[in-house]
Amino acid sequence: MKLIEALVLLVVLLGLARGLFRVGPQGSLGLVLRMGRFRREAHPGLVVKAPLLDSLQLVHQVCHGQFGTRTRHHGRQRLPSH
């Protein structure tokens, strides 16, 4: 019985740890929202967030094309969860 309890606890802790970190795409700007309200900006790279409470949304992406730099706005597009 103790083994089953330990395995369940391990699965829950791994799930929470997995939701703690996200990677923002290169050349993008995102928002960290806590329960739907703005909390802070998220720059490209590793983003730390509270599991189950925070979400990361992509709002701005810079494209480097052949003819210079242009900006694409995505509105409130949610990043895929991993």
Protein backbone atom coordinates (compact mmCIF):
# COMPACT_ATOMS: atom_id res chain seq x y z
CA MET A 1 0.00 0.00 0.00
CA LYS A 2 2.87 2.42 0.79
CA LEU A 3 4.34 1.81 -2.66
CA ILE A 4 1.11 2.87 -4.39
CA GLU A 5 0.87 6.03 -2.28
CA ALA A 6 4.49 6.90 -3.06
CA LEU A 7 3.93 6.38 -6.80
CA VAL A 8 0.81 8.58 -6.80
CA LEU A 9 2.67 11.30 -4.92
CA LEU A 10 5.58 11.08 -7.36
CA VAL A 11 3.27 11.42 -10.38
CA VAL A 12 1.54 14.47 -8.86
CA LEU A 13 4.85 16.15 -8.02
CA LEU A 14 6.25 15.50 -11.51
CA GLY A 15 3.11 16.99 -13.06
CA LEU A 16 3.42 20.13 -10.95
CA ALA A 17 7.15 20.44 -11.70
CA ARG A 18 6.47 20.10 -15.43
CA GLY A 19 4.05 23.05 -15.31
CA LEU A 20 6.58 25.26 -13.50
CA PHE A 21 8.74 26.10 -16.53
CA ARG A 22 7.92 27.14 -20.12
CA VAL A 23 10.12 28.26 -22.99
CA GLY A 24 9.07 31.39 -24.86
CA PRO A 25 9.81 31.18 -28.61
CA GLN A 26 12.77 33.14 -29.96
CA GLY A 27 11.85 36.62 -31.20
CA SER A 28 8.57 36.73 -29.32
CA LEU A 29 7.03 38.60 -26.44
CA GLY A 30 4.46 37.00 -24.19
CA LEU A 31 2.36 37.71 -21.16
CA VAL A 32 2.15 35.69 -17.99
CA LEU A 33 -1.45 35.73 -16.83
CA ARG A 34 -2.53 34.61 -13.38
CA MET A 35 -6.10 33.37 -13.55
CA GLY A 36 -6.72 35.59 -16.59
CA ARG A 37 -5.20 38.81 -15.24
CA PHE A 38 -1.89 40.33 -16.33
CA ARG A 39 1.00 39.48 -14.02
CA ARG A 40 4.17 40.28 -16.02
CA GLU A 41 5.87 40.28 -19.41
CA ALA A 42 7.64 37.15 -20.62
CA HIS A 43 10.67 37.55 -22.87
CA PRO A 44 12.10 34.79 -25.07
CA GLY A 45 13.71 31.94 -23.19
CA LEU A 46 12.91 30.17 -19.94
CA VAL A 47 9.81 31.46 -18.16
CA VAL A 48 8.98 30.44 -14.59
CA LYS A 49 5.29 30.33 -13.72
CA ALA A 50 3.05 28.94 -11.00
CA PRO A 51 1.61 25.59 -12.09
CA LEU A 52 -2.18 25.54 -12.59
CA LEU A 53 -2.49 29.28 -11.81
CA ASP A 54 -0.44 31.00 -14.51
CA SER A 55 -0.64 30.77 -18.29
CA LEU A 56 1.74 32.08 -20.94
CA GLN A 57 0.24 33.83 -23.98
CA LEU A 58 2.10 34.96 -27.10
CA VAL A 59 1.19 38.56 -28.02
CA HIS A 60 4.00 39.81 -30.26
CA GLN A 61 6.46 38.20 -32.65
CA VAL A 62 9.24 39.84 -34.64
CA CYS A 63 9.99 38.37 -38.07
CA HIS A 64 13.38 38.85 -39.68
CA GLY A 65 12.77 38.56 -43.40
CA GLN A 66 14.69 39.28 -46.57
CA PHE A 67 13.54 42.91 -46.64
CA GLY A 68 14.16 43.82 -43.01
CA THR A 69 12.20 43.40 -39.83
CA ARG A 70 8.44 43.47 -39.52
CA THR A 71 6.12 42.85 -36.61
CA ARG A 72 3.22 40.43 -36.36
CA HIS A 73 0.59 40.82 -33.65
CA HIS A 74 -1.22 37.67 -32.60
CA GLY A 75 -3.70 39.14 -30.16
CA ARG A 76 -4.29 36.71 -27.30
CA GLN A 77 -2.99 33.48 -28.82
CA ARG A 78 -2.32 30.80 -26.23
CA LEU A 79 0.98 28.96 -26.49
CA PRO A 80 0.66 25.18 -26.72
CA SER A 81 1.24 23.42 -23.42
CA HIS A 82 3.87 20.71 -23.22
